[in-house]
């Protein structure tokens, strides 16, 4: 009976572990003329519950292969503007302080 209980407890722990694992690549700091931008994986993955595949590899590949994108391009739906269009999430147009810090 004890072996069965231990086995079930171990199985439960192993299946629950991914839920407690750190998800994403952490915070990404982007230098920018308009003010630095901090991208938080925690906000997007844990907070908004986005799956990695919603951004990778279609919108973003990784930090080493990422190409700088202008605000004008974002306003047309590139990069952050894919979701931050005023419908799915707040728009990249308007309050610069939501993303940029001085």
C-alpha atoms as a PDB file:
ATOM      1  CA  UNK A   1       0.000   0.000   0.000  1.00  0.00           C
ATOM      2  CA  UNK A   2       2.817   2.426   0.879  1.00  0.00           C
ATOM      3  CA  UNK A   3       4.649   1.735  -2.404  1.00  0.00           C
ATOM      4  CA  UNK A   4       1.469   2.465  -4.337  1.00  0.00           C
ATOM      5  CA  UNK A   5       0.980   5.766  -2.482  1.00  0.00           C
ATOM      6  CA  UNK A   6       4.608   6.797  -3.041  1.00  0.00           C
ATOM      7  CA  UNK A   7       4.321   5.906  -6.731  1.00  0.00           C
ATOM      8  CA  UNK A   8       1.151   7.966  -7.118  1.00  0.00           C
ATOM      9  CA  UNK A   9       2.703  10.906  -5.251  1.00  0.00           C
ATOM     10  CA  UNK A  10       5.790  10.757  -7.466  1.00  0.00           C
ATOM     11  CA  UNK A  11       3.672  10.639 -10.619  1.00  0.00           C
ATOM     12  CA  UNK A  12       1.643  13.619  -9.432  1.00  0.00           C
ATOM     13  CA  UNK A  13       4.798  15.600  -8.633  1.00  0.00           C
ATOM     14  CA  UNK A  14       6.339  14.870 -12.034  1.00  0.00           C
ATOM     15  CA  UNK A  15       3.219  15.861 -13.959  1.00  0.00           C
ATOM     16  CA  UNK A  16       2.739  19.046 -11.910  1.00  0.00           C
ATOM     17  CA  UNK A  17       6.377  20.183 -12.209  1.00  0.00           C
ATOM     18  CA  UNK A  18       6.039  21.914 -15.611  1.00  0.00           C
ATOM     19  CA  UNK A  19       3.397  24.191 -14.108  1.00  0.00           C
ATOM     20  CA  UNK A  20       5.961  25.465 -11.600  1.00  0.00           C
ATOM     21  CA  UNK A  21       8.847  25.756 -14.077  1.00  0.00           C
ATOM     22  CA  UNK A  22      10.056  29.180 -15.170  1.00  0.00           C
ATOM     23  CA  UNK A  23       8.647  29.944 -18.579  1.00  0.00           C
ATOM     24  CA  UNK A  24      10.143  32.232 -21.163  1.00  0.00           C
ATOM     25  CA  UNK A  25      13.424  33.989 -21.581  1.00  0.00           C
ATOM     26  CA  UNK A  26      13.113  36.381 -18.676  1.00  0.00           C
ATOM     27  CA  UNK A  27      13.187  40.124 -19.084  1.00  0.00           C
ATOM     28  CA  UNK A  28      14.614  41.569 -22.278  1.00  0.00           C
ATOM     29  CA  UNK A  29      16.074  45.086 -22.173  1.00  0.00           C
ATOM     30  CA  UNK A  30      15.929  46.960 -25.474  1.00  0.00           C
ATOM     31  CA  UNK A  31      17.968  50.150 -25.884  1.00  0.00           C
ATOM     32  CA  UNK A  32      16.058  52.755 -27.829  1.00  0.00           C
ATOM     33  CA  UNK A  33      16.384  56.446 -28.780  1.00  0.00           C
ATOM     34  CA  UNK A  34      12.852  57.066 -27.517  1.00  0.00           C
ATOM     35  CA  UNK A  35      13.682  55.515 -24.147  1.00  0.00           C
ATOM     36  CA  UNK A  36      14.640  52.003 -23.107  1.00  0.00           C
ATOM     37  CA  UNK A  37      12.001  49.271 -23.321  1.00  0.00           C
ATOM     38  CA  UNK A  38      11.695  46.357 -20.919  1.00  0.00           C
ATOM     39  CA  UNK A  39       9.943  43.314 -22.390  1.00  0.00           C
ATOM     40  CA  UNK A  40       8.716  40.974 -19.668  1.00  0.00           C
ATOM     41  CA  UNK A  41       8.092  37.337 -20.596  1.00  0.00           C
ATOM     42  CA  UNK A  42       6.402  36.939 -17.190  1.00  0.00           C
ATOM     43  CA  UNK A  43       3.757  39.556 -18.027  1.00  0.00           C
ATOM     44  CA  UNK A  44       3.063  38.045 -21.440  1.00  0.00           C
ATOM     45  CA  UNK A  45       3.282  34.319 -20.611  1.00  0.00           C
ATOM     46  CA  UNK A  46       2.066  34.147 -17.018  1.00  0.00           C
ATOM     47  CA  UNK A  47      -0.004  37.336 -16.891  1.00  0.00           C
ATOM     48  CA  UNK A  48      -1.749  37.267 -20.260  1.00  0.00           C
ATOM     49  CA  UNK A  49      -1.339  33.493 -20.664  1.00  0.00           C
ATOM     50  CA  UNK A  50       0.195  33.581 -24.130  1.00  0.00           C
ATOM     51  CA  UNK A  51       1.767  30.377 -25.381  1.00  0.00           C
ATOM     52  CA  UNK A  52       5.339  30.537 -26.701  1.00  0.00           C
ATOM     53  CA  UNK A  53       4.116  29.511 -30.167  1.00  0.00           C
ATOM     54  CA  UNK A  54       1.935  32.618 -30.404  1.00  0.00           C
ATOM     55  CA  UNK A  55       5.089  34.718 -30.854  1.00  0.00           C
ATOM     56  CA  UNK A  56       7.869  32.255 -31.664  1.00  0.00           C
ATOM     57  CA  UNK A  57       9.080  31.769 -34.347  1.00  0.00           C
ATOM     58  CA  UNK A  58       6.600  33.791 -36.454  1.00  0.00           C
ATOM     59  CA  UNK A  59       6.845  37.240 -34.847  1.00  0.00           C
ATOM     60  CA  UNK A  60      10.124  36.781 -32.960  1.00  0.00           C
ATOM     61  CA  UNK A  61      12.927  34.301 -33.473  1.00  0.00           C
ATOM     62  CA  UNK A  62      15.281  35.093 -30.578  1.00  0.00           C
ATOM     63  CA  UNK A  63      17.252  38.056 -29.229  1.00  0.00           C
ATOM     64  CA  UNK A  64      20.321  37.323 -31.372  1.00  0.00           C
ATOM     65  CA  UNK A  65      18.387  37.155 -34.657  1.00  0.00           C
ATOM     66  CA  UNK A  66      15.876  39.915 -33.849  1.00  0.00           C
ATOM     67  CA  UNK A  67      15.988  42.926 -36.155  1.00  0.00           C
ATOM     68  CA  UNK A  68      15.182  46.422 -34.940  1.00  0.00           C
ATOM     69  CA  UNK A  69      11.731  47.591 -35.979  1.00  0.00           C
ATOM     70  CA  UNK A  70      10.599  51.209 -36.171  1.00  0.00           C
ATOM     71  CA  UNK A  71       7.508  52.557 -34.418  1.00  0.00           C
ATOM     72  CA  UNK A  72       6.065  53.259 -37.864  1.00  0.00           C
ATOM     73  CA  UNK A  73       6.435  49.560 -38.744  1.00  0.00           C
ATOM     74  CA  UNK A  74       4.885  48.547 -35.403  1.00  0.00           C
ATOM     75  CA  UNK A  75       1.929  50.836 -36.093  1.00  0.00           C
ATOM     76  CA  UNK A  76       1.448  48.857 -39.317  1.00  0.00           C
ATOM     77  CA  UNK A  77       1.418  45.549 -37.415  1.00  0.00           C
ATOM     78  CA  UNK A  78       5.078  44.493 -37.256  1.00  0.00           C
ATOM     79  CA  UNK A  79       6.771  43.208 -34.097  1.00  0.00           C
ATOM     80  CA  UNK A  80       4.919  44.386 -30.947  1.00  0.00           C
ATOM     81  CA  UNK A  81       2.248  45.937 -33.194  1.00  0.00           C
ATOM     82  CA  UNK A  82       1.057  42.453 -34.122  1.00  0.00           C
ATOM     83  CA  UNK A  83      -0.880  42.335 -30.838  1.00  0.00           C
ATOM     84  CA  UNK A  84      -0.553  45.901 -29.573  1.00  0.00           C
ATOM     85  CA  UNK A  85      -2.975  47.265 -32.146  1.00  0.00           C
ATOM     86  CA  UNK A  86      -5.698  48.635 -29.865  1.00  0.00           C
ATOM     87  CA  UNK A  87      -7.875  45.543 -30.341  1.00  0.00           C
ATOM     88  CA  UNK A  88      -6.011  42.589 -28.875  1.00  0.00           C
ATOM     89  CA  UNK A  89      -3.881  44.714 -26.525  1.00  0.00           C
ATOM     90  CA  UNK A  90      -3.268  48.414 -25.952  1.00  0.00           C
ATOM     91  CA  UNK A  91      -2.024  50.208 -29.056  1.00  0.00           C
ATOM     92  CA  UNK A  92       1.595  51.124 -29.763  1.00  0.00           C
ATOM     93  CA  UNK A  93       0.211  54.547 -30.723  1.00  0.00           C
ATOM     94  CA  UNK A  94      -0.289  57.060 -27.967  1.00  0.00           C
ATOM     95  CA  UNK A  95       1.080  56.724 -24.441  1.00  0.00           C
ATOM     96  CA  UNK A  96       4.811  56.093 -25.038  1.00  0.00           C
ATOM     97  CA  UNK A  97       5.392  55.742 -21.287  1.00  0.00           C
ATOM     98  CA  UNK A  98       3.613  52.372 -21.245  1.00  0.00           C
ATOM     99  CA  UNK A  99       6.689  50.810 -22.857  1.00  0.00           C
ATOM    100  CA  UNK A 100       9.469  53.432 -22.989  1.00  0.00           C
ATOM    101  CA  UNK A 101      11.333  54.802 -19.988  1.00  0.00           C
ATOM    102  CA  UNK A 102      13.538  57.881 -20.010  1.00  0.00           C
END
